[in-house]
């Protein structure tokens, strides 16, 4: 309320002084157009001093409050900026620490992957050796079976050839006396009880 009254009083005083100065200026212009009167200059100076004094008196406290509020606002902004800067530094330090940890973790992961790859390579080699051994054993077993089958066929063929050759030899070398003797031996053997 006091501020409104003070403002109204200042405005009224300024309006009054402005009209008074204007009236004097108009009166003086009528008397002497180009002459400078010291009294008019003194009057204007006196009016300006009163105006400045009234403004200073009534505006001092609001101006002090404005400047104090402005100063407090700037101080709060500086404090907020400092806090934000400190938070940003902390966040930056945390990010750098995390990046360092990530680098270490990456190295550990690479080492672990290399170890796992080496283990898997060993397992794969072992599986390949086992598979090769199985293939070798199966091939050997198949070869042994094939050799046995071929041996049996060869023996059967050799037996047929031997029988055929023996039959041929017997037919060519067998005389009728030999034939009678063989038949007699066969009958004699067949007639004996076993």
N, C-alpha and C. Protein backbone atom coordinates (compact mmCIF):
# COMPACT_ATOMS: atom_id res chain seq x y z
N UNK A 1 0.82 -1.19 0.00
CA UNK A 1 0.00 0.00 0.00
C UNK A 1 0.87 1.25 0.00
N UNK A 2 1.91 1.24 0.83
CA UNK A 2 2.79 2.39 0.92
C UNK A 2 3.48 2.60 -0.42
N UNK A 3 3.87 1.51 -1.09
CA UNK A 3 4.54 1.61 -2.38
C UNK A 3 3.63 2.26 -3.43
N UNK A 4 2.36 1.94 -3.41
CA UNK A 4 1.41 2.52 -4.37
C UNK A 4 1.25 4.02 -4.13
N UNK A 5 1.14 4.40 -2.85
CA UNK A 5 1.01 5.82 -2.52
C UNK A 5 2.27 6.57 -2.93
N UNK A 6 3.42 5.95 -2.67
CA UNK A 6 4.68 6.61 -3.01
C UNK A 6 4.78 6.81 -4.52
N UNK A 7 4.40 5.82 -5.26
CA UNK A 7 4.46 5.92 -6.71
C UNK A 7 3.50 6.99 -7.21
N UNK A 8 2.29 7.05 -6.64
CA UNK A 8 1.31 8.07 -7.05
C UNK A 8 1.83 9.46 -6.73
N UNK A 9 2.45 9.63 -5.55
CA UNK A 9 2.99 10.93 -5.16
C UNK A 9 4.12 11.35 -6.09
N UNK A 10 4.98 10.42 -6.48
CA UNK A 10 6.09 10.74 -7.37
C UNK A 10 5.55 11.14 -8.74
N UNK A 11 4.59 10.41 -9.25
CA UNK A 11 4.03 10.72 -10.56
C UNK A 11 3.36 12.09 -10.54
N UNK A 12 2.59 12.36 -9.48
CA UNK A 12 1.92 13.67 -9.37
C UNK A 12 2.94 14.79 -9.32
N UNK A 13 4.00 14.60 -8.51
CA UNK A 13 5.03 15.64 -8.39
C UNK A 13 5.70 15.88 -9.73
N UNK A 14 6.00 14.83 -10.44
CA UNK A 14 6.64 14.97 -11.75
C UNK A 14 5.73 15.70 -12.73
N UNK A 15 4.47 15.38 -12.70
CA UNK A 15 3.53 16.04 -13.60
C UNK A 15 3.43 17.53 -13.28
N UNK A 16 3.37 17.85 -11.98
CA UNK A 16 3.28 19.25 -11.56
C UNK A 16 4.53 20.01 -11.99
N UNK A 17 5.69 19.43 -11.75
CA UNK A 17 6.94 20.11 -12.11
C UNK A 17 7.04 20.29 -13.62
N UNK A 18 6.61 19.28 -14.36
CA UNK A 18 6.68 19.38 -15.82
C UNK A 18 5.78 20.49 -16.33
N UNK A 19 4.58 20.61 -15.76
CA UNK A 19 3.66 21.68 -16.20
C UNK A 19 4.19 23.06 -15.83
N UNK A 20 4.72 23.11 -14.62
CA UNK A 20 5.26 24.40 -14.19
C UNK A 20 6.41 24.82 -15.09
N UNK A 21 7.31 23.90 -15.37
CA UNK A 21 8.45 24.20 -16.23
C UNK A 21 7.96 24.58 -17.62
N UNK A 22 6.96 23.88 -18.12
CA UNK A 22 6.45 24.18 -19.45
C UNK A 22 5.81 25.57 -19.49
N UNK A 23 5.07 25.90 -18.42
CA UNK A 23 4.42 27.22 -18.38
C UNK A 23 5.46 28.31 -18.33
N UNK A 24 6.49 28.12 -17.52
CA UNK A 24 7.53 29.14 -17.42
C UNK A 24 8.29 29.25 -18.73
N UNK A 25 8.52 28.16 -19.34
CA UNK A 25 9.24 28.17 -20.60
C UNK A 25 8.43 28.91 -21.66
N UNK A 26 7.12 28.67 -21.70
CA UNK A 26 6.26 29.34 -22.67
C UNK A 26 6.24 30.85 -22.39
N UNK A 27 6.16 31.23 -21.11
CA UNK A 27 6.14 32.64 -20.73
C UNK A 27 7.47 33.31 -21.09
N UNK A 28 8.51 32.62 -20.81
CA UNK A 28 9.83 33.16 -21.09
C UNK A 28 10.05 33.28 -22.59
N UNK A 29 9.54 32.33 -23.37
CA UNK A 29 9.71 32.36 -24.82
C UNK A 29 8.97 33.56 -25.40
N UNK A 30 7.89 33.92 -24.75
CA UNK A 30 7.14 35.07 -25.25
C UNK A 30 7.93 36.35 -25.01
N UNK A 31 8.65 36.47 -23.86
CA UNK A 31 9.39 37.70 -23.54
C UNK A 31 10.71 37.77 -24.29
N UNK A 32 11.42 36.72 -24.31
CA UNK A 32 12.73 36.76 -24.96
C UNK A 32 12.96 35.43 -25.67
N UNK A 33 12.93 35.50 -26.98
CA UNK A 33 13.00 34.27 -27.75
C UNK A 33 14.40 33.69 -27.73
N UNK A 34 15.39 34.49 -27.93
CA UNK A 34 16.73 33.95 -28.05
C UNK A 34 17.58 34.19 -26.82
N UNK A 35 17.17 34.90 -25.95
CA UNK A 35 17.99 35.21 -24.78
C UNK A 35 17.86 34.11 -23.76
N UNK A 36 18.95 33.81 -23.10
CA UNK A 36 18.96 32.78 -22.08
C UNK A 36 18.88 33.48 -20.75
N UNK A 37 17.89 33.09 -20.02
CA UNK A 37 17.76 33.69 -18.70
C UNK A 37 18.31 32.75 -17.66
N UNK A 38 19.06 33.34 -16.78
CA UNK A 38 19.65 32.54 -15.71
C UNK A 38 18.59 32.07 -14.74
N UNK A 39 17.57 32.82 -14.61
CA UNK A 39 16.54 32.43 -13.65
C UNK A 39 15.82 31.17 -14.11
N UNK A 40 15.61 31.07 -15.43
CA UNK A 40 14.96 29.86 -15.95
C UNK A 40 15.87 28.64 -15.75
N UNK A 41 17.13 28.83 -15.99
CA UNK A 41 18.08 27.74 -15.81
C UNK A 41 18.13 27.32 -14.35
N UNK A 42 18.14 28.30 -13.44
CA UNK A 42 18.17 27.98 -12.00
C UNK A 42 16.87 27.28 -11.62
N UNK A 43 15.77 27.76 -12.14
CA UNK A 43 14.48 27.15 -11.81
C UNK A 43 14.44 25.69 -12.29
N UNK A 44 14.88 25.45 -13.49
CA UNK A 44 14.89 24.07 -14.01
C UNK A 44 15.84 23.20 -13.21
N UNK A 45 16.97 23.73 -12.86
CA UNK A 45 17.93 22.97 -12.06
C UNK A 45 17.34 22.65 -10.71
N UNK A 46 16.69 23.66 -10.10
CA UNK A 46 16.06 23.43 -8.80
C UNK A 46 14.97 22.38 -8.92
N UNK A 47 14.16 22.44 -9.98
CA UNK A 47 13.09 21.46 -10.20
C UNK A 47 13.67 20.05 -10.40
N UNK A 48 14.77 19.98 -11.15
CA UNK A 48 15.42 18.68 -11.38
C UNK A 48 15.97 18.12 -10.08
N UNK A 49 16.55 18.97 -9.25
CA UNK A 49 17.10 18.51 -7.97
C UNK A 49 15.98 18.00 -7.07
N UNK A 50 14.86 18.73 -7.06
CA UNK A 50 13.72 18.28 -6.25
C UNK A 50 13.21 16.94 -6.78
N UNK A 51 13.10 16.82 -8.11
CA UNK A 51 12.62 15.57 -8.72
C UNK A 51 13.56 14.41 -8.37
N UNK A 52 14.85 14.64 -8.48
CA UNK A 52 15.81 13.58 -8.15
C UNK A 52 15.72 13.25 -6.68
N UNK A 53 15.57 14.26 -5.84
CA UNK A 53 15.45 14.02 -4.41
C UNK A 53 14.20 13.21 -4.07
N UNK A 54 13.07 13.57 -4.68
CA UNK A 54 11.82 12.84 -4.43
C UNK A 54 11.95 11.40 -4.93
N UNK A 55 12.50 11.24 -6.14
CA UNK A 55 12.68 9.88 -6.67
C UNK A 55 13.62 9.08 -5.78
N UNK A 56 14.71 9.70 -5.38
CA UNK A 56 15.66 9.02 -4.49
C UNK A 56 15.02 8.64 -3.17
N UNK A 57 14.21 9.56 -2.61
CA UNK A 57 13.59 9.28 -1.32
C UNK A 57 12.60 8.12 -1.42
N UNK A 58 11.74 8.17 -2.44
CA UNK A 58 10.69 7.15 -2.54
C UNK A 58 11.17 5.85 -3.24
N UNK A 59 12.15 5.99 -4.10
CA UNK A 59 12.60 4.80 -4.84
C UNK A 59 13.77 4.09 -4.16
N UNK A 60 14.33 4.69 -3.12
CA UNK A 60 15.50 4.11 -2.47
C UNK A 60 15.21 2.71 -1.93
N UNK A 61 14.17 2.59 -1.14
CA UNK A 61 13.88 1.29 -0.52
C UNK A 61 13.48 0.24 -1.57
N UNK A 62 12.56 0.56 -2.52
CA UNK A 62 12.27 -0.44 -3.55
C UNK A 62 13.50 -0.80 -4.39
N UNK A 63 14.35 0.22 -4.66
CA UNK A 63 15.56 -0.04 -5.42
C UNK A 63 16.51 -0.94 -4.64
N UNK A 64 16.64 -0.68 -3.34
CA UNK A 64 17.49 -1.55 -2.50
C UNK A 64 16.94 -2.97 -2.46
N UNK A 65 15.60 -3.07 -2.33
CA UNK A 65 15.00 -4.41 -2.31
C UNK A 65 15.20 -5.12 -3.66
N UNK A 66 15.04 -4.36 -4.77
CA UNK A 66 15.26 -4.95 -6.09
C UNK A 66 16.69 -5.44 -6.24
N UNK A 67 17.63 -4.57 -5.84
CA UNK A 67 19.04 -4.96 -5.96
C UNK A 67 19.38 -6.14 -5.06
N UNK A 68 18.82 -6.15 -3.84
CA UNK A 68 19.07 -7.27 -2.92
C UNK A 68 18.46 -8.56 -3.47
N UNK A 69 17.21 -8.47 -4.00
CA UNK A 69 16.58 -9.65 -4.60
C UNK A 69 17.38 -10.13 -5.82
N UNK A 70 17.82 -9.18 -6.61
CA UNK A 70 18.61 -9.53 -7.79
C UNK A 70 19.92 -10.21 -7.37
N UNK A 71 20.56 -9.64 -6.36
CA UNK A 71 21.81 -10.21 -5.85
C UNK A 71 21.58 -11.61 -5.30
N UNK A 72 20.48 -11.78 -4.54
CA UNK A 72 20.16 -13.11 -4.01
C UNK A 72 19.86 -14.10 -5.15
N UNK A 73 19.14 -13.63 -6.15
CA UNK A 73 18.84 -14.49 -7.29
C UNK A 73 20.10 -14.92 -8.02
N UNK A 74 21.00 -13.95 -8.23
CA UNK A 74 22.27 -14.29 -8.88
C UNK A 74 23.09 -15.26 -8.03
N UNK A 75 23.07 -15.06 -6.71
CA UNK A 75 23.80 -15.95 -5.81
C UNK A 75 23.22 -17.37 -5.89
N UNK A 76 21.87 -17.45 -5.90
CA UNK A 76 21.23 -18.77 -6.01
C UNK A 76 21.58 -19.43 -7.35
N UNK A 77 21.57 -18.62 -8.42
CA UNK A 77 21.94 -19.17 -9.72
C UNK A 77 23.38 -19.68 -9.73
N UNK A 78 24.27 -18.91 -9.09
CA UNK A 78 25.67 -19.34 -9.00
C UNK A 78 25.79 -20.63 -8.19
N UNK A 79 25.05 -20.69 -7.07
CA UNK A 79 25.08 -21.91 -6.25
C UNK A 79 24.54 -23.09 -7.04
N UNK A 80 23.44 -22.88 -7.77
CA UNK A 80 22.88 -23.95 -8.60
C UNK A 80 23.86 -24.37 -9.70
N UNK A 81 24.52 -23.38 -10.29
CA UNK A 81 25.49 -23.69 -11.33
C UNK A 81 26.67 -24.48 -10.75
N UNK A 82 27.13 -24.07 -9.56
CA UNK A 82 28.22 -24.81 -8.91
C UNK A 82 27.79 -26.25 -8.61
N UNK A 83 26.56 -26.40 -8.09
CA UNK A 83 26.06 -27.75 -7.78
C UNK A 83 25.95 -28.58 -9.06
N UNK A 84 25.45 -27.95 -10.12
CA UNK A 84 25.33 -28.67 -11.39
C UNK A 84 26.70 -29.06 -11.93
N UNK A 85 27.67 -28.14 -11.80
CA UNK A 85 29.03 -28.43 -12.24
C UNK A 85 29.62 -29.58 -11.43
N UNK A 86 29.41 -29.56 -10.12
CA UNK A 86 29.92 -30.64 -9.27
C UNK A 86 29.26 -31.97 -9.63
N UNK A 87 27.94 -31.95 -9.87
CA UNK A 87 27.23 -33.17 -10.29
C UNK A 87 27.77 -33.67 -11.63
N UNK A 88 28.02 -32.73 -12.54
CA UNK A 88 28.55 -33.11 -13.85
C UNK A 88 29.95 -33.72 -13.71
N UNK A 89 30.77 -33.15 -12.82
CA UNK A 89 32.12 -33.71 -12.60
C UNK A 89 32.02 -35.11 -12.01
N UNK A 90 31.10 -35.29 -11.05
CA UNK A 90 30.92 -36.62 -10.45
C UNK A 90 30.45 -37.62 -11.51
N UNK A 91 29.47 -37.19 -12.31
CA UNK A 91 28.96 -38.07 -13.37
C UNK A 91 30.07 -38.40 -14.36
N UNK A 92 30.89 -37.41 -14.70
CA UNK A 92 32.01 -37.63 -15.61
C UNK A 92 33.00 -38.63 -15.02
N UNK A 93 33.31 -38.46 -13.72
CA UNK A 93 34.23 -39.40 -13.05
C UNK A 93 33.64 -40.80 -13.04
N UNK A 94 32.32 -40.89 -12.76
CA UNK A 94 31.68 -42.21 -12.75
C UNK A 94 31.72 -42.84 -14.14
N UNK A 95 31.48 -42.05 -15.17
CA UNK A 95 31.51 -42.57 -16.54
C UNK A 95 32.92 -43.01 -16.91
N UNK A 96 33.93 -42.22 -16.52
CA UNK A 96 35.32 -42.61 -16.82
C UNK A 96 35.68 -43.91 -16.11
N UNK A 97 35.26 -44.01 -14.83
CA UNK A 97 35.53 -45.23 -14.07
C UNK A 97 34.84 -46.42 -14.73
N UNK A 98 33.61 -46.20 -15.18
CA UNK A 98 32.87 -47.28 -15.84
C UNK A 98 33.54 -47.67 -17.15
N UNK A 99 34.02 -46.67 -17.90
CA UNK A 99 34.72 -46.96 -19.15
C UNK A 99 35.99 -47.76 -18.89
N UNK A 100 36.71 -47.39 -17.81
CA UNK A 100 37.91 -48.15 -17.44
C UNK A 100 37.53 -49.59 -17.09
N UNK A 101 36.45 -49.74 -16.31
CA UNK A 101 36.00 -51.09 -15.94
C UNK A 101 35.56 -51.86 -17.17
N UNK A 102 34.89 -51.18 -18.09
CA UNK A 102 34.44 -51.85 -19.31
C UNK A 102 35.65 -52.33 -20.11
N UNK A 103 36.70 -51.50 -20.17
CA UNK A 103 37.91 -51.93 -20.87
C UNK A 103 38.51 -53.17 -20.22
N UNK A 104 38.61 -53.14 -18.89
CA UNK A 104 39.12 -54.31 -18.17
C UNK A 104 38.21 -55.52 -18.37
N UNK A 105 36.90 -55.29 -18.31
CA UNK A 105 35.95 -56.38 -18.51
C UNK A 105 36.06 -56.95 -19.92
N UNK A 106 36.25 -56.05 -20.90
CA UNK A 106 36.42 -56.51 -22.28
C UNK A 106 37.66 -57.38 -22.41
N UNK A 107 38.77 -56.94 -21.79
CA UNK A 107 39.99 -57.74 -21.84
C UNK A 107 39.76 -59.10 -21.18
N UNK A 108 39.07 -59.10 -20.04
CA UNK A 108 38.78 -60.36 -19.35
C UNK A 108 37.91 -61.25 -20.22
N UNK A 109 36.90 -60.65 -20.88
CA UNK A 109 36.03 -61.42 -21.76
C UNK A 109 36.80 -62.00 -22.94
N UNK A 110 37.71 -61.20 -23.48
CA UNK A 110 38.51 -61.69 -24.61
C UNK A 110 39.40 -62.85 -24.16
N UNK A 111 40.03 -62.69 -22.97
CA UNK A 111 40.85 -63.79 -22.45
C UNK A 111 40.00 -65.04 -22.22
N UNK A 112 38.84 -64.84 -21.60
CA UNK A 112 37.95 -65.97 -21.32
C UNK A 112 37.50 -66.63 -22.62
N UNK A 113 37.16 -65.81 -23.62
CA UNK A 113 36.74 -66.37 -24.91
C UNK A 113 37.89 -67.15 -25.55
N UNK A 114 39.12 -66.62 -25.43
CA UNK A 114 40.27 -67.33 -25.99
C UNK A 114 40.48 -68.66 -25.27
N UNK A 115 40.33 -68.65 -23.94
CA UNK A 115 40.48 -69.89 -23.18
C UNK A 115 39.40 -70.88 -23.57
N UNK A 116 38.16 -70.40 -23.67
CA UNK A 116 37.06 -71.29 -24.08
C UNK A 116 37.28 -71.82 -25.49
N UNK A 117 37.78 -70.97 -26.37
CA UNK A 117 38.05 -71.40 -27.74
C UNK A 117 39.14 -72.48 -27.74
N UNK A 118 40.16 -72.29 -26.91
CA UNK A 118 41.23 -73.29 -26.82
C UNK A 118 40.69 -74.61 -26.28
N UNK A 119 39.85 -74.52 -25.24
CA UNK A 119 39.23 -75.73 -24.68
C UNK A 119 38.37 -76.41 -25.73
N UNK A 120 37.57 -75.61 -26.44
CA UNK A 120 36.69 -76.17 -27.47
C UNK A 120 37.51 -76.76 -28.61
N UNK A 121 38.62 -76.11 -28.94
CA UNK A 121 39.50 -76.65 -29.99
C UNK A 121 40.05 -78.00 -29.55
N UNK A 122 40.47 -78.10 -28.27
CA UNK A 122 40.96 -79.38 -27.75
C UNK A 122 39.88 -80.45 -27.80
N UNK A 123 38.66 -80.06 -27.41
CA UNK A 123 37.55 -81.02 -27.47
C UNK A 123 37.27 -81.45 -28.90
N UNK A 124 37.30 -80.48 -29.81
CA UNK A 124 37.04 -80.79 -31.22
C UNK A 124 38.12 -81.73 -31.76
N UNK A 125 39.40 -81.48 -31.38
CA UNK A 125 40.48 -82.37 -31.81
C UNK A 125 40.28 -83.77 -31.24
N UNK A 126 39.88 -83.83 -29.97
CA UNK A 126 39.64 -85.13 -29.35
C UNK A 126 38.50 -85.86 -30.04
N UNK A 127 37.40 -85.11 -30.35
CA UNK A 127 36.29 -85.72 -31.07
C UNK A 127 36.73 -86.20 -32.45
N UNK A 128 37.57 -85.39 -33.11
CA UNK A 128 38.06 -85.77 -34.44
C UNK A 128 38.95 -87.00 -34.35
N UNK A 129 39.82 -87.05 -33.33
CA UNK A 129 40.67 -88.24 -33.15
C UNK A 129 39.81 -89.48 -32.89
N UNK A 130 38.81 -89.31 -32.01
CA UNK A 130 37.92 -90.44 -31.71
C UNK A 130 37.19 -90.90 -32.96
N UNK A 131 36.70 -89.94 -33.74
CA UNK A 131 35.99 -90.29 -34.97
C UNK A 131 36.94 -90.98 -35.95
N UNK A 132 38.17 -90.45 -36.04
CA UNK A 132 39.14 -91.06 -36.94
C UNK A 132 39.48 -92.48 -36.48
N UNK A 133 39.63 -92.67 -35.18
CA UNK A 133 39.91 -94.00 -34.62
C UNK A 133 38.76 -94.95 -34.93
N UNK A 134 37.52 -94.47 -34.75
CA UNK A 134 36.36 -95.31 -35.06
C UNK A 134 36.33 -95.69 -36.53
N UNK A 135 36.61 -94.71 -37.38
CA UNK A 135 36.63 -94.98 -38.82
C UNK A 135 37.72 -96.00 -39.14
N UNK A 136 38.90 -95.82 -38.51
CA UNK A 136 40.00 -96.76 -38.71
C UNK A 136 39.61 -98.17 -38.27
N UNK A 137 39.00 -98.24 -37.07
CA UNK A 137 38.59 -99.55 -36.55
C UNK A 137 37.53 -100.19 -37.45
N UNK A 138 36.57 -99.38 -37.88
CA UNK A 138 35.54 -99.91 -38.77
C UNK A 138 36.14 -100.34 -40.10
N UNK A 139 37.09 -99.54 -40.61
CA UNK A 139 37.75 -99.89 -41.87
C UNK A 139 38.55 -101.18 -41.70
N UNK A 140 39.25 -101.29 -40.56
CA UNK A 140 40.03 -102.51 -40.31
C UNK A 140 39.10 -103.71 -40.20
N UNK A 141 37.99 -103.53 -39.44
CA UNK A 141 37.02 -104.62 -39.29
C UNK A 141 36.44 -105.01 -40.65
N UNK A 142 36.10 -104.01 -41.45
CA UNK A 142 35.55 -104.29 -42.79
C UNK A 142 36.62 -104.98 -43.65
N UNK A 143 37.87 -104.50 -43.55
CA UNK A 143 38.95 -105.12 -44.33
C UNK A 143 39.19 -106.56 -43.88
N UNK A 144 39.18 -106.77 -42.53
CA UNK A 144 39.36 -108.13 -42.01
C UNK A 144 38.23 -109.04 -42.50
N UNK A 145 37.02 -108.53 -42.48
CA UNK A 145 35.88 -109.34 -42.95
C UNK A 145 36.02 -109.64 -44.44
N UNK A 146 36.45 -108.62 -45.18
CA UNK A 146 36.62 -108.80 -46.62
C UNK A 146 37.74 -109.81 -46.90
N UNK A 147 38.82 -109.71 -46.10
CA UNK A 147 39.93 -110.67 -46.26
C UNK A 147 39.46 -112.08 -45.93
N UNK A 148 38.69 -112.22 -44.85
CA UNK A 148 38.16 -113.55 -44.48
C UNK A 148 37.26 -114.11 -45.56
N UNK A 149 36.36 -113.26 -46.08
CA UNK A 149 35.46 -113.69 -47.14
C UNK A 149 36.27 -114.09 -48.38
N UNK A 150 37.28 -113.27 -48.72
CA UNK A 150 38.11 -113.58 -49.89
C UNK A 150 38.89 -114.88 -49.65
N UNK A 151 39.40 -115.04 -48.41
CA UNK A 151 40.14 -116.26 -48.07
C UNK A 151 39.23 -117.49 -48.21
N UNK A 152 37.98 -117.34 -47.67
CA UNK A 152 37.03 -118.47 -47.76
C UNK A 152 36.72 -118.78 -49.21
N UNK A 153 36.53 -117.74 -50.02
CA UNK A 153 36.25 -117.96 -51.44
C UNK A 153 37.44 -118.62 -52.13
N UNK A 154 38.65 -118.12 -51.75
CA UNK A 154 39.85 -118.71 -52.35
C UNK A 154 40.01 -120.18 -51.94
N UNK A 155 39.72 -120.45 -50.65
CA UNK A 155 39.81 -121.84 -50.20
C UNK A 155 38.78 -122.71 -50.91
N UNK A 156 37.55 -122.17 -51.05
CA UNK A 156 36.52 -122.94 -51.75
C UNK A 156 36.91 -123.16 -53.20
N UNK A 157 37.45 -122.13 -53.81
CA UNK A 157 37.89 -122.23 -55.20
C UNK A 157 39.05 -123.21 -55.32
N UNK A 158 39.98 -123.11 -54.34
CA UNK A 158 41.13 -124.03 -54.35
C UNK A 158 40.65 -125.47 -54.17
N UNK A 159 39.65 -125.66 -53.28
CA UNK A 159 39.11 -127.01 -53.06
C UNK A 159 38.44 -127.52 -54.33
N UNK A 160 37.65 -126.66 -54.99
CA UNK A 160 37.01 -127.10 -56.24
C UNK A 160 38.04 -127.44 -57.30
N UNK A 161 39.05 -126.59 -57.37
CA UNK A 161 40.09 -126.84 -58.35
C UNK A 161 40.85 -128.14 -58.00
N UNK A 162 41.10 -128.32 -56.70
CA UNK A 162 41.82 -129.54 -56.27
C UNK A 162 40.99 -130.77 -56.59
N UNK A 163 39.69 -130.68 -56.31
CA UNK A 163 38.80 -131.83 -56.58
C UNK A 163 38.73 -132.07 -58.07
N UNK A 164 38.59 -130.97 -58.81
CA UNK A 164 38.49 -131.09 -60.26
C UNK A 164 39.79 -131.69 -60.80
N UNK A 165 40.91 -131.19 -60.28
CA UNK A 165 42.21 -131.68 -60.72
C UNK A 165 42.40 -133.14 -60.29
N UNK A 166 41.99 -133.44 -59.05
CA UNK A 166 42.12 -134.83 -58.57
C UNK A 166 41.23 -135.74 -59.41
N UNK A 167 40.02 -135.29 -59.71
CA UNK A 167 39.12 -136.09 -60.54
C UNK A 167 39.72 -136.32 -61.91
N UNK A 168 40.31 -135.28 -62.46
CA UNK A 168 40.94 -135.36 -63.76
C UNK A 168 42.12 -136.34 -63.70
N UNK A 169 42.91 -136.22 -62.62
CA UNK A 169 44.06 -137.09 -62.47
C UNK A 169 43.61 -138.54 -62.30
N UNK A 170 42.58 -138.71 -61.53
CA UNK A 170 42.09 -140.06 -61.28
C UNK A 170 41.57 -140.64 -62.58
N UNK A 171 40.81 -139.91 -63.32
CA UNK A 171 40.24 -140.42 -64.57
C UNK A 171 41.34 -140.77 -65.57
N UNK A 172 42.35 -139.88 -65.61
CA UNK A 172 43.40 -140.15 -66.60
C UNK A 172 44.34 -141.26 -66.14
N UNK A 173 44.55 -141.38 -64.86
CA UNK A 173 45.53 -142.35 -64.36
C UNK A 173 44.87 -143.60 -63.79
N UNK A 174 43.63 -143.64 -63.71
CA UNK A 174 42.94 -144.78 -63.09
C UNK A 174 42.80 -145.92 -64.13
N UNK A 175 43.21 -147.04 -63.68
CA UNK A 175 43.13 -148.21 -64.56
C UNK A 175 41.93 -149.03 -64.11
N UNK A 176 41.46 -149.94 -64.94
CA UNK A 176 40.32 -150.76 -64.52
C UNK A 176 40.63 -151.56 -63.26
N UNK A 177 41.81 -151.98 -63.03
CA UNK A 177 42.16 -152.69 -61.81
C UNK A 177 42.05 -151.77 -60.61
N UNK A 178 42.51 -150.53 -60.79
CA UNK A 178 42.41 -149.56 -59.70
C UNK A 178 40.94 -149.29 -59.38
N UNK A 179 40.14 -149.27 -60.42
CA UNK A 179 38.71 -149.01 -60.20
C UNK A 179 38.09 -150.13 -59.40
N UNK A 180 38.38 -151.37 -59.67
CA UNK A 180 37.83 -152.51 -58.96
C UNK A 180 38.32 -152.51 -57.53
N UNK A 181 39.53 -152.24 -57.34
CA UNK A 181 40.08 -152.18 -56.00
C UNK A 181 39.39 -151.10 -55.19
N UNK A 182 39.17 -149.92 -55.73
CA UNK A 182 38.54 -148.82 -55.00
C UNK A 182 37.09 -149.17 -54.66
N UNK A 183 36.41 -149.80 -55.57
CA UNK A 183 35.03 -150.18 -55.30
C UNK A 183 35.02 -151.21 -54.20
N UNK A 184 35.92 -152.16 -54.20
CA UNK A 184 35.97 -153.19 -53.17
C UNK A 184 36.27 -152.55 -51.82
N UNK A 185 37.16 -151.59 -51.78
CA UNK A 185 37.47 -150.90 -50.52
C UNK A 185 36.25 -150.13 -50.01
N UNK A 186 35.54 -149.55 -50.95
CA UNK A 186 34.35 -148.78 -50.54
C UNK A 186 33.30 -149.70 -49.97
N UNK A 187 33.08 -150.81 -50.59
CA UNK A 187 32.08 -151.78 -50.13
C UNK A 187 32.52 -152.32 -48.78
N UNK A 188 33.71 -152.61 -48.67
CA UNK A 188 34.21 -153.15 -47.40
C UNK A 188 34.03 -152.11 -46.29
N UNK A 189 34.32 -150.94 -46.53
CA UNK A 189 34.15 -149.88 -45.51
C UNK A 189 32.69 -149.65 -45.21
N UNK A 190 31.88 -149.66 -46.21
CA UNK A 190 30.45 -149.43 -46.01
C UNK A 190 29.84 -150.58 -45.26
N UNK A 191 30.34 -151.76 -45.40
CA UNK A 191 29.79 -152.92 -44.72
C UNK A 191 30.23 -153.04 -43.29
N UNK A 192 31.25 -152.40 -42.85
CA UNK A 192 31.71 -152.44 -41.47
C UNK A 192 30.82 -151.60 -40.59
N UNK A 193 30.57 -152.16 -39.44
CA UNK A 193 29.76 -151.34 -38.50
C UNK A 193 30.64 -150.24 -37.88
N UNK A 194 30.11 -149.09 -37.66
CA UNK A 194 30.86 -147.95 -37.10
C UNK A 194 30.76 -147.89 -35.62
